[in-house]
Amino acid sequence: MSEGRFNLSALAVRERSITLFLICLISLAGLVAFFKLGRAEDPAFTIKVMTIITAWPGATAQEMQDQVAEKVEKRLQELRYYDRAETYTRPGLAFTTLTLQDSTPPSKVQEEFYQARKKVGDEAGNLPAGVIGPMINDEYADVTFALFALKARGEPQRVLVRDAETLRQRLLHVPGVKKVNIAGEQPERIYVEFAHDRLATLGIGPQDVFAALNSQNALSPAGSVETSGPQVFIRLDGAFDTLQKIRDTPVIAQGRTLKLSDVATVRRGYEDPATFMIRSGGEPALLIGVVMKEGWNGLDLGKSLDTEARAINAELPLGLSLSKVTDQSVNIAASVDEFM
């Protein structure tokens, strides 16, 4: 090698103290960077797909296609990175999947989804009367980091749901938690069971009962009163907020006024049959799913969730328990240990 050319090796040997310092500095920086790296079970990737669900009770599959799905698809075609839209229709329901181009920059995907929401929202006013939606979901790809089962023997589920909501707010404050989802909640229902022999004896038809319930629970503006001070709004107090108010609903038939409880039984219940039910250890439960923030250290989040779960269980009343079902931090720790 000619003497006029720069020789890095010779410089490193000649300046040994500087070389040693740089080696130590780079090693220290690499060590710090290693412990600061985000750790997750799977790498983060951008899904360029969103779903749009539209319902129109009573419509045929062809009507859903011609009067709902086509209008939505035409607006989606205006997107800059539009690739294709695939729609599956059945009576009363249209399920549309929007796919962006593969060349769409990941940084532009959320903006494109926002534009899609705007365009579909603008088109909602042009859809036929009675259409429900469109309902858009662009976050269905979120991966649950940890699942907790909330159980309580003998406690009504509506009370258990309120407890789950309280725990949800508490878990959201754990560092590294992006969102908390609750699964397994059964929709509540108010059942009005007619005594058909009484209806026949009194000459009351089911339509009379329906009309009484609809008129009593109607929400309509009652106006306001202008004063020299604040504006006073008038509201009619007739909305149902207790079972007893439903039982006391007046039913008029053949010139007589009866209470609903005279001809029917009103009770509180749940959706029957249930859409789905969740059991943990053979007992009914609610699942609380925790989603981790992007780029966060899963090992740190796992430790923080364990600490918070222990604190929660120490404060829960007798009979109520919060137990872990799955935890990604266990798999992450095993992978890191294997790598090391």
C-alpha atoms as a PDB file:
ATOM      1  CA  MET A   1       0.000   0.000   0.000  1.00  0.00           C
ATOM      2  CA  SER A   2       1.436   3.365  -0.955  1.00  0.00           C
ATOM      3  CA  GLU A   3       2.431   5.821   1.746  1.00  0.00           C
ATOM      4  CA  GLY A   4       0.177   8.547   0.313  1.00  0.00           C
ATOM      5  CA  ARG A   5      -3.051   6.637   0.979  1.00  0.00           C
ATOM      6  CA  PHE A   6      -4.957   6.946   4.272  1.00  0.00           C
ATOM      7  CA  ASN A   7      -4.422   3.868   6.469  1.00  0.00           C
ATOM      8  CA  LEU A   8      -7.099   3.516   9.147  1.00  0.00           C
ATOM      9  CA  SER A   9      -5.476   0.470  10.730  1.00  0.00           C
ATOM     10  CA  ALA A  10      -2.176   2.258  11.129  1.00  0.00           C
ATOM     11  CA  LEU A  11      -3.952   5.247  12.665  1.00  0.00           C
ATOM     12  CA  ALA A  12      -5.775   3.004  15.125  1.00  0.00           C
ATOM     13  CA  VAL A  13      -2.524   1.323  16.189  1.00  0.00           C
ATOM     14  CA  ARG A  14      -0.717   4.637  16.475  1.00  0.00           C
ATOM     15  CA  GLU A  15      -3.482   6.310  18.525  1.00  0.00           C
ATOM     16  CA  ARG A  16      -4.207   3.410  20.847  1.00  0.00           C
ATOM     17  CA  SER A  17      -5.769   5.474  23.627  1.00  0.00           C
ATOM     18  CA  ILE A  18      -8.314   7.056  21.254  1.00  0.00           C
ATOM     19  CA  THR A  19      -9.048   3.686  19.662  1.00  0.00           C
ATOM     20  CA  LEU A  20      -9.663   2.105  23.074  1.00  0.00           C
ATOM     21  CA  PHE A  21     -11.906   4.991  24.064  1.00  0.00           C
ATOM     22  CA  LEU A  22     -13.984   4.655  20.876  1.00  0.00           C
ATOM     23  CA  ILE A  23     -14.315   0.892  21.362  1.00  0.00           C
ATOM     24  CA  CYS A  24     -15.565   1.375  24.926  1.00  0.00           C
ATOM     25  CA  LEU A  25     -17.931   4.153  23.843  1.00  0.00           C
ATOM     26  CA  ILE A  26     -19.421   2.112  20.994  1.00  0.00           C
ATOM     27  CA  SER A  27     -19.791  -0.939  23.229  1.00  0.00           C
ATOM     28  CA  LEU A  28     -21.521   1.114  25.917  1.00  0.00           C
ATOM     29  CA  ALA A  29     -23.841   2.717  23.339  1.00  0.00           C
ATOM     30  CA  GLY A  30     -24.701  -0.716  21.926  1.00  0.00           C
ATOM     31  CA  LEU A  31     -25.427  -2.072  25.410  1.00  0.00           C
ATOM     32  CA  VAL A  32     -27.717   0.862  26.248  1.00  0.00           C
ATOM     33  CA  ALA A  33     -29.472   0.572  22.878  1.00  0.00           C
ATOM     34  CA  PHE A  34     -30.034  -3.153  23.426  1.00  0.00           C
ATOM     35  CA  PHE A  35     -31.844  -2.604  26.724  1.00  0.00           C
ATOM     36  CA  LYS A  36     -33.846   0.294  25.240  1.00  0.00           C
ATOM     37  CA  LEU A  37     -35.092  -1.697  22.260  1.00  0.00           C
ATOM     38  CA  GLY A  38     -38.808  -2.343  21.975  1.00  0.00           C
ATOM     39  CA  ARG A  39     -39.699  -5.975  22.595  1.00  0.00           C
ATOM     40  CA  ALA A  40     -42.825  -7.645  21.289  1.00  0.00           C
ATOM     41  CA  GLU A  41     -43.858 -11.145  20.300  1.00  0.00           C
ATOM     42  CA  ASP A  42     -44.413 -10.137  16.658  1.00  0.00           C
ATOM     43  CA  PRO A  43     -42.953  -7.249  14.638  1.00  0.00           C
ATOM     44  CA  ALA A  44     -45.198  -4.276  13.956  1.00  0.00           C
ATOM     45  CA  PHE A  45     -46.540  -4.039  10.426  1.00  0.00           C
ATOM     46  CA  THR A  46     -49.127  -1.855   8.733  1.00  0.00           C
ATOM     47  CA  ILE A  47     -52.365  -3.454   7.544  1.00  0.00           C
ATOM     48  CA  LYS A  48     -53.769  -1.541   4.591  1.00  0.00           C
ATOM     49  CA  VAL A  49     -57.309  -2.878   4.876  1.00  0.00           C
ATOM     50  CA  MET A  50     -60.453  -1.520   6.512  1.00  0.00           C
ATOM     51  CA  THR A  51     -63.972  -2.924   6.769  1.00  0.00           C
ATOM     52  CA  ILE A  52     -67.304  -1.168   6.302  1.00  0.00           C
ATOM     53  CA  ILE A  53     -70.548  -2.760   7.510  1.00  0.00           C
ATOM     54  CA  THR A  54     -73.953  -1.400   6.506  1.00  0.00           C
ATOM     55  CA  ALA A  55     -77.319  -2.759   7.663  1.00  0.00           C
ATOM     56  CA  TRP A  56     -80.779  -2.172   6.211  1.00  0.00           C
ATOM     57  CA  PRO A  57     -83.364  -4.362   7.937  1.00  0.00           C
ATOM     58  CA  GLY A  58     -85.877  -5.807   5.497  1.00  0.00           C
ATOM     59  CA  ALA A  59     -83.864  -5.209   2.318  1.00  0.00           C
ATOM     60  CA  THR A  60     -82.962  -7.999  -0.090  1.00  0.00           C
ATOM     61  CA  ALA A  61     -79.392  -8.836  -1.041  1.00  0.00           C
ATOM     62  CA  GLN A  62     -79.900  -7.218  -4.451  1.00  0.00           C
ATOM     63  CA  GLU A  63     -81.251  -4.020  -2.884  1.00  0.00           C
ATOM     64  CA  MET A  64     -78.259  -3.916  -0.553  1.00  0.00           C
ATOM     65  CA  GLN A  65     -75.967  -4.209  -3.563  1.00  0.00           C
ATOM     66  CA  ASP A  66     -77.719  -1.670  -5.812  1.00  0.00           C
ATOM     67  CA  GLN A  67     -78.806   0.999  -3.314  1.00  0.00           C
ATOM     68  CA  VAL A  68     -76.162   0.797  -0.600  1.00  0.00           C
ATOM     69  CA  ALA A  69     -72.947  -1.023  -1.523  1.00  0.00           C
ATOM     70  CA  GLU A  70     -72.490   0.551  -4.964  1.00  0.00           C
ATOM     71  CA  LYS A  71     -72.835   4.067  -3.593  1.00  0.00           C
ATOM     72  CA  VAL A  72     -70.263   3.375  -0.886  1.00  0.00           C
ATOM     73  CA  GLU A  73     -67.843   1.762  -3.349  1.00  0.00           C
ATOM     74  CA  LYS A  74     -68.050   4.719  -5.755  1.00  0.00           C
ATOM     75  CA  ARG A  75     -67.001   7.122  -3.002  1.00  0.00           C
ATOM     76  CA  LEU A  76     -64.141   4.849  -1.957  1.00  0.00           C
ATOM     77  CA  GLN A  77     -62.820   4.862  -5.526  1.00  0.00           C
ATOM     78  CA  GLU A  78     -61.978   8.552  -5.070  1.00  0.00           C
ATOM     79  CA  LEU A  79     -59.158   7.703  -2.653  1.00  0.00           C
ATOM     80  CA  ARG A  80     -55.613   8.410  -3.799  1.00  0.00           C
ATOM     81  CA  TYR A  81     -54.211   4.976  -2.948  1.00  0.00           C
ATOM     82  CA  TYR A  82     -57.378   3.004  -3.724  1.00  0.00           C
ATOM     83  CA  ASP A  83     -56.733  -0.551  -4.924  1.00  0.00           C
ATOM     84  CA  ARG A  84     -60.015  -2.437  -4.704  1.00  0.00           C
ATOM     85  CA  ALA A  85     -63.235  -2.840  -2.732  1.00  0.00           C
ATOM     86  CA  GLU A  86     -64.855  -6.220  -2.254  1.00  0.00           C
ATOM     87  CA  THR A  87     -68.459  -6.422  -1.051  1.00  0.00           C
ATOM     88  CA  TYR A  88     -70.415  -9.370   0.290  1.00  0.00           C
ATOM     89  CA  THR A  89     -74.172  -8.796   0.575  1.00  0.00           C
ATOM     90  CA  ARG A  90     -76.959 -10.757   2.121  1.00  0.00           C
ATOM     91  CA  PRO A  91     -80.528  -9.773   3.072  1.00  0.00           C
ATOM     92  CA  GLY A  92     -80.279  -6.712   5.298  1.00  0.00           C
ATOM     93  CA  LEU A  93     -76.469  -6.586   5.453  1.00  0.00           C
ATOM     94  CA  ALA A  94     -73.531  -5.450   3.299  1.00  0.00           C
ATOM     95  CA  PHE A  95     -69.929  -6.161   4.263  1.00  0.00           C
ATOM     96  CA  THR A  96     -67.346  -4.144   2.297  1.00  0.00           C
ATOM     97  CA  THR A  97     -63.572  -4.586   2.504  1.00  0.00           C
ATOM     98  CA  LEU A  98     -61.402  -1.682   1.316  1.00  0.00           C
ATOM     99  CA  THR A  99     -57.834  -2.560   0.296  1.00  0.00           C
ATOM    100  CA  LEU A 100     -55.207   0.088  -0.375  1.00  0.00           C
ATOM    101  CA  GLN A 101     -52.384  -0.321  -2.875  1.00  0.00           C
ATOM    102  CA  ASP A 102     -49.317  -2.257  -1.759  1.00  0.00           C
ATOM    103  CA  SER A 103     -47.192   0.775  -2.631  1.00  0.00           C
ATOM    104  CA  THR A 104     -49.047   2.957  -0.107  1.00  0.00           C
ATOM    105  CA  PRO A 105     -46.459   4.449   2.299  1.00  0.00           C
ATOM    106  CA  PRO A 106     -47.173   3.239   5.858  1.00  0.00           C
ATOM    107  CA  SER A 107     -47.121   6.863   7.048  1.00  0.00           C
ATOM    108  CA  LYS A 108     -50.018   7.647   4.670  1.00  0.00           C
ATOM    109  CA  VAL A 109     -52.304   4.761   5.645  1.00  0.00           C
ATOM    110  CA  GLN A 110     -54.004   6.462   8.600  1.00  0.00           C
ATOM    111  CA  GLU A 111     -54.564   9.619   6.554  1.00  0.00           C
ATOM    112  CA  GLU A 112     -56.091   7.517   3.787  1.00  0.00           C
ATOM    113  CA  PHE A 113     -58.376   5.786   6.277  1.00  0.00           C
ATOM    114  CA  TYR A 114     -59.412   9.201   7.587  1.00  0.00           C
ATOM    115  CA  GLN A 115     -60.305  10.312   4.072  1.00  0.00           C
ATOM    116  CA  ALA A 116     -62.288   7.100   3.605  1.00  0.00           C
ATOM    117  CA  ARG A 117     -64.252   7.817   6.775  1.00  0.00           C
ATOM    118  CA  LYS A 118     -65.026  11.330   5.541  1.00  0.00           C
ATOM    119  CA  LYS A 119     -66.209  10.188   2.130  1.00  0.00           C
ATOM    120  CA  VAL A 120     -68.350   7.370   3.504  1.00  0.00           C
ATOM    121  CA  GLY A 121     -69.782   9.722   6.134  1.00  0.00           C
ATOM    122  CA  ASP A 122     -70.720  12.233   3.430  1.00  0.00           C
ATOM    123  CA  GLU A 123     -72.424   9.488   1.424  1.00  0.00           C
ATOM    124  CA  ALA A 124     -74.423   8.268   4.441  1.00  0.00           C
ATOM    125  CA  GLY A 125     -76.927  11.087   3.913  1.00  0.00           C
ATOM    126  CA  ASN A 126     -77.683   9.804   0.408  1.00  0.00           C
ATOM    127  CA  LEU A 127     -78.465   6.249   1.490  1.00  0.00           C
ATOM    128  CA  PRO A 128     -82.108   5.088   1.744  1.00  0.00           C
ATOM    129  CA  ALA A 129     -84.088   5.791   4.893  1.00  0.00           C
ATOM    130  CA  GLY A 130     -83.713   3.079   7.505  1.00  0.00           C
ATOM    131  CA  VAL A 131     -80.094   2.239   6.714  1.00  0.00           C
ATOM    132  CA  ILE A 132     -77.982   1.648   9.815  1.00  0.00           C
ATOM    133  CA  GLY A 133     -74.359   2.731   9.461  1.00  0.00           C
ATOM    134  CA  PRO A 134     -72.023   2.619   7.680  1.00  0.00           C
ATOM    135  CA  MET A 135     -69.927   1.244  10.556  1.00  0.00           C
ATOM    136  CA  ILE A 136     -66.182   1.464   9.858  1.00  0.00           C
ATOM    137  CA  ASN A 137     -63.433  -0.556  11.506  1.00  0.00           C
ATOM    138  CA  ASP A 138     -59.757   0.052  10.721  1.00  0.00           C
ATOM    139  CA  GLU A 139     -58.343  -1.198  14.038  1.00  0.00           C
ATOM    140  CA  TYR A 140     -59.350  -4.849  13.941  1.00  0.00           C
ATOM    141  CA  ALA A 141     -55.699  -5.873  13.532  1.00  0.00           C
ATOM    142  CA  ASP A 142     -54.765  -4.839  17.088  1.00  0.00           C
ATOM    143  CA  VAL A 143     -53.053  -7.718  18.896  1.00  0.00           C
ATOM    144  CA  THR A 144     -54.000  -8.347  22.512  1.00  0.00           C
ATOM    145  CA  PHE A 145     -50.884  -8.333  24.701  1.00  0.00           C
ATOM    146  CA  ALA A 146     -52.509  -9.786  27.812  1.00  0.00           C
ATOM    147  CA  LEU A 147     -55.910 -11.187  28.737  1.00  0.00           C
ATOM    148  CA  PHE A 148     -57.410 -11.077  32.230  1.00  0.00           C
ATOM    149  CA  ALA A 149     -60.543 -12.917  33.368  1.00  0.00           C
ATOM    150  CA  LEU A 150     -62.835 -11.117  35.801  1.00  0.00           C
ATOM    151  CA  LYS A 151     -65.091 -13.486  37.737  1.00  0.00           C
ATOM    152  CA  ALA A 152     -67.618 -13.106  40.546  1.00  0.00           C
ATOM    153  CA  ARG A 153     -69.789 -15.919  41.831  1.00  0.00           C
ATOM    154  CA  GLY A 154     -73.448 -15.006  42.170  1.00  0.00           C
ATOM    155  CA  GLU A 155     -73.013 -11.384  41.060  1.00  0.00           C
ATOM    156  CA  PRO A 156     -75.320 -10.131  38.263  1.00  0.00           C
ATOM    157  CA  GLN A 157     -73.433  -9.526  35.067  1.00  0.00           C
ATOM    158  CA  ARG A 158     -74.551  -5.908  34.789  1.00  0.00           C
ATOM    159  CA  VAL A 159     -72.738  -5.265  38.088  1.00  0.00           C
ATOM    160  CA  LEU A 160     -69.724  -7.228  36.877  1.00  0.00           C
ATOM    161  CA  VAL A 161     -69.613  -5.056  33.753  1.00  0.00           C
ATOM    162  CA  ARG A 162     -69.454  -1.914  35.896  1.00  0.00           C
ATOM    163  CA  ASP A 163     -66.566  -3.445  37.858  1.00  0.00           C
ATOM    164  CA  ALA A 164     -64.832  -4.248  34.556  1.00  0.00           C
ATOM    165  CA  GLU A 165     -65.231  -0.648  33.394  1.00  0.00           C
ATOM    166  CA  THR A 166     -63.614   0.562  36.618  1.00  0.00           C
ATOM    167  CA  LEU A 167     -60.671  -1.798  36.105  1.00  0.00           C
ATOM    168  CA  ARG A 168     -60.428  -0.696  32.469  1.00  0.00           C
ATOM    169  CA  GLN A 169     -59.863   2.913  33.508  1.00  0.00           C
ATOM    170  CA  ARG A 170     -57.246   1.784  35.994  1.00  0.00           C
ATOM    171  CA  LEU A 171     -55.335  -0.367  33.502  1.00  0.00           C
ATOM    172  CA  LEU A 172     -55.275   2.472  30.968  1.00  0.00           C
ATOM    173  CA  HIS A 173     -52.962   4.371  33.329  1.00  0.00           C
ATOM    174  CA  VAL A 174     -50.328   1.611  33.266  1.00  0.00           C
ATOM    175  CA  PRO A 175     -47.325   2.837  31.196  1.00  0.00           C
ATOM    176  CA  GLY A 176     -47.252   1.174  27.782  1.00  0.00           C
ATOM    177  CA  VAL A 177     -50.972   0.389  27.541  1.00  0.00           C
ATOM    178  CA  LYS A 178     -52.573   1.628  24.322  1.00  0.00           C
ATOM    179  CA  LYS A 179     -56.150   0.470  24.855  1.00  0.00           C
ATOM    180  CA  VAL A 180     -58.196  -1.915  26.976  1.00  0.00           C
ATOM    181  CA  ASN A 181     -61.100  -3.925  25.541  1.00  0.00           C
ATOM    182  CA  ILE A 182     -63.857  -5.757  27.412  1.00  0.00           C
ATOM    183  CA  ALA A 183     -65.254  -8.930  25.852  1.00  0.00           C
ATOM    184  CA  GLY A 184     -68.102 -11.184  26.897  1.00  0.00           C
ATOM    185  CA  GLU A 185     -70.658  -8.570  27.936  1.00  0.00           C
ATOM    186  CA  GLN A 186     -74.217  -9.764  27.337  1.00  0.00           C
ATOM    187  CA  PRO A 187     -76.637  -7.020  26.219  1.00  0.00           C
ATOM    188  CA  GLU A 188     -79.368  -6.327  28.759  1.00  0.00           C
ATOM    189  CA  ARG A 189     -83.031  -6.653  27.840  1.00  0.00           C
ATOM    190  CA  ILE A 190     -86.349  -5.709  29.441  1.00  0.00           C
ATOM    191  CA  TYR A 191     -88.875  -8.495  28.862  1.00  0.00           C
ATOM    192  CA  VAL A 192     -92.619  -7.799  28.844  1.00  0.00           C
ATOM    193  CA  GLU A 193     -94.461 -11.129  29.014  1.00  0.00           C
ATOM    194  CA  PHE A 194     -98.172 -10.917  28.280  1.00  0.00           C
ATOM    195  CA  ALA A 195    -100.829 -12.850  30.154  1.00  0.00           C
ATOM    196  CA  HIS A 196    -102.881 -13.774  27.091  1.00  0.00           C
ATOM    197  CA  ASP A 197    -105.884 -14.941  29.120  1.00  0.00           C
ATOM    198  CA  ARG A 198    -106.112 -11.511  30.773  1.00  0.00           C
ATOM    199  CA  LEU A 199    -105.728  -9.714  27.443  1.00  0.00           C
ATOM    200  CA  ALA A 200    -108.549 -11.775  25.970  1.00  0.00           C
ATOM    201  CA  THR A 201    -110.794 -11.222  29.007  1.00  0.00           C
ATOM    202  CA  LEU A 202    -110.277  -7.445  29.006  1.00  0.00           C
ATOM    203  CA  GLY A 203    -110.431  -7.119  25.227  1.00  0.00           C
ATOM    204  CA  ILE A 204    -106.934  -5.658  24.936  1.00  0.00           C
ATOM    205  CA  GLY A 205    -104.702  -6.409  21.961  1.00  0.00           C
ATOM    206  CA  PRO A 206    -100.900  -6.502  22.002  1.00  0.00           C
ATOM    207  CA  GLN A 207    -100.861  -3.457  19.709  1.00  0.00           C
ATOM    208  CA  ASP A 208    -102.565  -1.420  22.443  1.00  0.00           C
ATOM    209  CA  VAL A 209     -99.736  -2.302  24.819  1.00  0.00           C
ATOM    210  CA  PHE A 210     -97.079  -1.440  22.215  1.00  0.00           C
ATOM    211  CA  ALA A 211     -98.721   1.918  21.526  1.00  0.00           C
ATOM    212  CA  ALA A 212     -98.844   2.743  25.237  1.00  0.00           C
ATOM    213  CA  LEU A 213     -95.156   1.926  25.703  1.00  0.00           C
ATOM    214  CA  ASN A 214     -94.071   3.900  22.626  1.00  0.00           C
ATOM    215  CA  SER A 215     -96.090   6.987  23.551  1.00  0.00           C
ATOM    216  CA  GLN A 216     -94.921   6.961  27.173  1.00  0.00           C
ATOM    217  CA  ASN A 217     -91.214   6.596  26.391  1.00  0.00           C
ATOM    218  CA  ALA A 218     -91.160   9.105  23.511  1.00  0.00           C
ATOM    219  CA  LEU A 219     -88.539  11.838  23.652  1.00  0.00           C
ATOM    220  CA  SER A 220     -89.854  15.091  22.204  1.00  0.00           C
ATOM    221  CA  PRO A 221     -88.888  18.746  22.706  1.00  0.00           C
ATOM    222  CA  ALA A 222     -91.207  20.723  24.983  1.00  0.00           C
ATOM    223  CA  GLY A 223     -89.817  24.182  24.249  1.00  0.00           C
ATOM    224  CA  SER A 224     -88.261  26.751  26.519  1.00  0.00           C
ATOM    225  CA  VAL A 225     -89.151  29.882  28.473  1.00  0.00           C
ATOM    226  CA  GLU A 226     -87.351  33.168  27.808  1.00  0.00           C
ATOM    227  CA  THR A 227     -86.649  35.094  31.005  1.00  0.00           C
ATOM    228  CA  SER A 228     -84.674  38.193  31.827  1.00  0.00           C
ATOM    229  CA  GLY A 229     -81.890  35.867  32.998  1.00  0.00           C
ATOM    230  CA  PRO A 230     -81.060  32.415  31.686  1.00  0.00           C
ATOM    231  CA  GLN A 231     -83.140  30.487  29.187  1.00  0.00           C
ATOM    232  CA  VAL A 232     -85.222  27.812  30.931  1.00  0.00           C
ATOM    233  CA  PHE A 233     -85.781  24.571  29.012  1.00  0.00           C
ATOM    234  CA  ILE A 234     -88.910  22.528  29.586  1.00  0.00           C
ATOM    235  CA  ARG A 235     -88.626  18.755  29.573  1.00  0.00           C
ATOM    236  CA  LEU A 236     -91.351  16.144  29.866  1.00  0.00           C
ATOM    237  CA  ASP A 237     -90.685  13.592  32.595  1.00  0.00           C
ATOM    238  CA  GLY A 238     -91.891  10.380  31.033  1.00  0.00           C
ATOM    239  CA  ALA A 239     -88.870   8.355  30.014  1.00  0.00           C
ATOM    240  CA  PHE A 240     -88.468   4.907  31.512  1.00  0.00           C
ATOM    241  CA  ASP A 241     -85.591   4.645  33.961  1.00  0.00           C
ATOM    242  CA  THR A 242     -86.898   1.967  36.375  1.00  0.00           C
ATOM    243  CA  LEU A 243     -88.845  -1.255  36.032  1.00  0.00           C
ATOM    244  CA  GLN A 244     -91.602   0.133  38.216  1.00  0.00           C
ATOM    245  CA  LYS A 245     -92.255   2.968  35.764  1.00  0.00           C
ATOM    246  CA  ILE A 246     -92.686   0.414  33.008  1.00  0.00           C
ATOM    247  CA  ARG A 247     -95.073  -1.613  35.178  1.00  0.00           C
ATOM    248  CA  ASP A 248     -97.093   1.537  35.943  1.00  0.00           C
ATOM    249  CA  THR A 249     -97.503   2.469  32.260  1.00  0.00           C
ATOM    250  CA  PRO A 250    -101.230   3.209  31.681  1.00  0.00           C
ATOM    251  CA  VAL A 251    -102.957   1.085  29.037  1.00  0.00           C
ATOM    252  CA  ILE A 252    -106.322   2.382  27.773  1.00  0.00           C
ATOM    253  CA  ALA A 253    -108.754  -0.110  26.298  1.00  0.00           C
ATOM    254  CA  GLN A 254    -112.541   0.072  25.895  1.00  0.00           C
ATOM    255  CA  GLY A 255    -112.761   3.207  28.012  1.00  0.00           C
ATOM    256  CA  ARG A 256    -110.868   1.732  30.934  1.00  0.00           C
ATOM    257  CA  THR A 257    -107.364   2.577  32.147  1.00  0.00           C
ATOM    258  CA  LEU A 258    -105.196  -0.229  33.424  1.00  0.00           C
ATOM    259  CA  LYS A 259    -101.602  -0.586  34.461  1.00  0.00           C
ATOM    260  CA  LEU A 260     -99.271  -2.659  32.333  1.00  0.00           C
ATOM    261  CA  SER A 261     -98.562  -4.849  35.357  1.00  0.00           C
ATOM    262  CA  ASP A 262    -102.259  -5.882  35.328  1.00  0.00           C
ATOM    263  CA  VAL A 263    -101.877  -7.664  32.005  1.00  0.00           C
ATOM    264  CA  ALA A 264     -98.143  -8.429  31.739  1.00  0.00           C
ATOM    265  CA  THR A 265     -95.067  -9.345  33.728  1.00  0.00           C
ATOM    266  CA  VAL A 266     -92.095  -6.996  33.391  1.00  0.00           C
ATOM    267  CA  ARG A 267     -88.667  -8.339  34.269  1.00  0.00           C
ATOM    268  CA  ARG A 268     -85.029  -7.562  33.638  1.00  0.00           C
ATOM    269  CA  GLY A 269     -82.892 -10.065  31.761  1.00  0.00           C
ATOM    270  CA  TYR A 270     -80.232 -10.560  29.126  1.00  0.00           C
ATOM    271  CA  GLU A 271     -80.103 -11.344  25.436  1.00  0.00           C
ATOM    272  CA  ASP A 272     -81.569 -14.811  24.963  1.00  0.00           C
ATOM    273  CA  PRO A 273     -80.110 -16.786  23.335  1.00  0.00           C
ATOM    274  CA  ALA A 274     -76.767 -15.104  23.981  1.00  0.00           C
ATOM    275  CA  THR A 275     -74.630 -14.233  20.955  1.00  0.00           C
ATOM    276  CA  PHE A 276     -71.628 -15.688  22.746  1.00  0.00           C
ATOM    277  CA  MET A 277     -70.588 -16.503  26.300  1.00  0.00           C
ATOM    278  CA  ILE A 278     -67.145 -16.617  27.902  1.00  0.00           C
ATOM    279  CA  ARG A 279     -66.117 -19.027  30.643  1.00  0.00           C
ATOM    280  CA  SER A 280     -62.846 -19.219  32.517  1.00  0.00           C
ATOM    281  CA  GLY A 281     -62.201 -22.305  34.607  1.00  0.00           C
ATOM    282  CA  GLY A 282     -65.772 -23.409  33.918  1.00  0.00           C
ATOM    283  CA  GLU A 283     -67.277 -20.223  35.389  1.00  0.00           C
ATOM    284  CA  PRO A 284     -68.890 -17.278  33.554  1.00  0.00           C
ATOM    285  CA  ALA A 285     -66.434 -14.416  33.190  1.00  0.00           C
ATOM    286  CA  LEU A 286     -65.588 -11.217  31.368  1.00  0.00           C
ATOM    287  CA  LEU A 287     -62.313 -10.895  29.503  1.00  0.00           C
ATOM    288  CA  ILE A 288     -60.244  -7.714  29.746  1.00  0.00           C
ATOM    289  CA  GLY A 289     -57.791  -7.433  26.858  1.00  0.00           C
ATOM    290  CA  VAL A 290     -54.777  -5.109  27.008  1.00  0.00           C
ATOM    291  CA  VAL A 291     -53.176  -3.791  23.795  1.00  0.00           C
ATOM    292  CA  MET A 292     -49.567  -2.558  23.969  1.00  0.00           C
ATOM    293  CA  LYS A 293     -48.318   0.699  22.449  1.00  0.00           C
ATOM    294  CA  GLU A 294     -46.154   0.497  19.358  1.00  0.00           C
ATOM    295  CA  GLY A 295     -42.431   0.208  20.067  1.00  0.00           C
ATOM    296  CA  TRP A 296     -42.885  -0.426  23.791  1.00  0.00           C
ATOM    297  CA  ASN A 297     -40.861  -2.944  25.756  1.00  0.00           C
ATOM    298  CA  GLY A 298     -43.136  -5.927  26.313  1.00  0.00           C
ATOM    299  CA  LEU A 299     -41.065  -7.201  29.239  1.00  0.00           C
ATOM    300  CA  ASP A 300     -41.532  -3.920  31.102  1.00  0.00           C
ATOM    301  CA  LEU A 301     -45.260  -3.905  30.341  1.00  0.00           C
ATOM    302  CA  GLY A 302     -45.612  -7.482  31.569  1.00  0.00           C
ATOM    303  CA  LYS A 303     -43.990  -6.577  34.898  1.00  0.00           C
ATOM    304  CA  SER A 304     -46.142  -3.457  35.239  1.00  0.00           C
ATOM    305  CA  LEU A 305     -49.337  -5.437  34.543  1.00  0.00           C
ATOM    306  CA  ASP A 306     -48.372  -8.101  37.093  1.00  0.00           C
ATOM    307  CA  THR A 307     -47.784  -5.411  39.715  1.00  0.00           C
ATOM    308  CA  GLU A 308     -51.097  -3.702  38.913  1.00  0.00           C
ATOM    309  CA  ALA A 309     -53.005  -7.020  38.909  1.00  0.00           C
ATOM    310  CA  ARG A 310     -51.689  -7.876  42.373  1.00  0.00           C
ATOM    311  CA  ALA A 311     -52.705  -4.442  43.647  1.00  0.00           C
ATOM    312  CA  ILE A 312     -56.180  -4.808  42.126  1.00  0.00           C
ATOM    313  CA  ASN A 313     -56.760  -8.268  43.623  1.00  0.00           C
ATOM    314  CA  ALA A 314     -55.747  -6.950  47.030  1.00  0.00           C
ATOM    315  CA  GLU A 315     -58.481  -4.313  46.830  1.00  0.00           C
ATOM    316  CA  LEU A 316     -61.282  -6.372  45.246  1.00  0.00           C
ATOM    317  CA  PRO A 317     -64.185  -7.423  47.481  1.00  0.00           C
ATOM    318  CA  LEU A 318     -64.604 -11.037  48.539  1.00  0.00           C
ATOM    319  CA  GLY A 319     -65.833 -13.248  45.690  1.00  0.00           C
ATOM    320  CA  LEU A 320     -64.453 -11.041  42.919  1.00  0.00           C
ATOM    321  CA  SER A 321     -61.195 -12.130  41.289  1.00  0.00           C
ATOM    322  CA  LEU A 322     -58.955 -11.012  38.435  1.00  0.00           C
ATOM    323  CA  SER A 323     -56.775 -13.749  36.936  1.00  0.00           C
ATOM    324  CA  LYS A 324     -54.378 -13.765  34.003  1.00  0.00           C
ATOM    325  CA  VAL A 325     -55.301 -15.912  31.002  1.00  0.00           C
ATOM    326  CA  THR A 326     -52.570 -15.097  28.475  1.00  0.00           C
ATOM    327  CA  ASP A 327     -49.458 -12.926  28.555  1.00  0.00           C
ATOM    328  CA  GLN A 328     -47.108 -12.177  25.649  1.00  0.00           C
ATOM    329  CA  SER A 329     -44.298 -11.144  27.984  1.00  0.00           C
ATOM    330  CA  VAL A 330     -43.735 -14.828  28.841  1.00  0.00           C
ATOM    331  CA  ASN A 331     -43.086 -15.661  25.168  1.00  0.00           C
ATOM    332  CA  ILE A 332     -40.958 -12.540  24.709  1.00  0.00           C
ATOM    333  CA  ALA A 333     -38.798 -13.416  27.721  1.00  0.00           C
ATOM    334  CA  ALA A 334     -38.286 -16.954  26.385  1.00  0.00           C
ATOM    335  CA  SER A 335     -37.256 -15.629  22.950  1.00  0.00           C
ATOM    336  CA  VAL A 336     -34.836 -13.066  24.401  1.00  0.00           C
ATOM    337  CA  ASP A 337     -33.266 -15.656  26.704  1.00  0.00           C
ATOM    338  CA  GLU A 338     -32.820 -18.037  23.776  1.00  0.00           C
ATOM    339  CA  PHE A 339     -31.161 -15.282  21.737  1.00  0.00           C
ATOM    340  CA  MET A 340     -28.834 -14.321  24.574  1.00  0.00           C
END
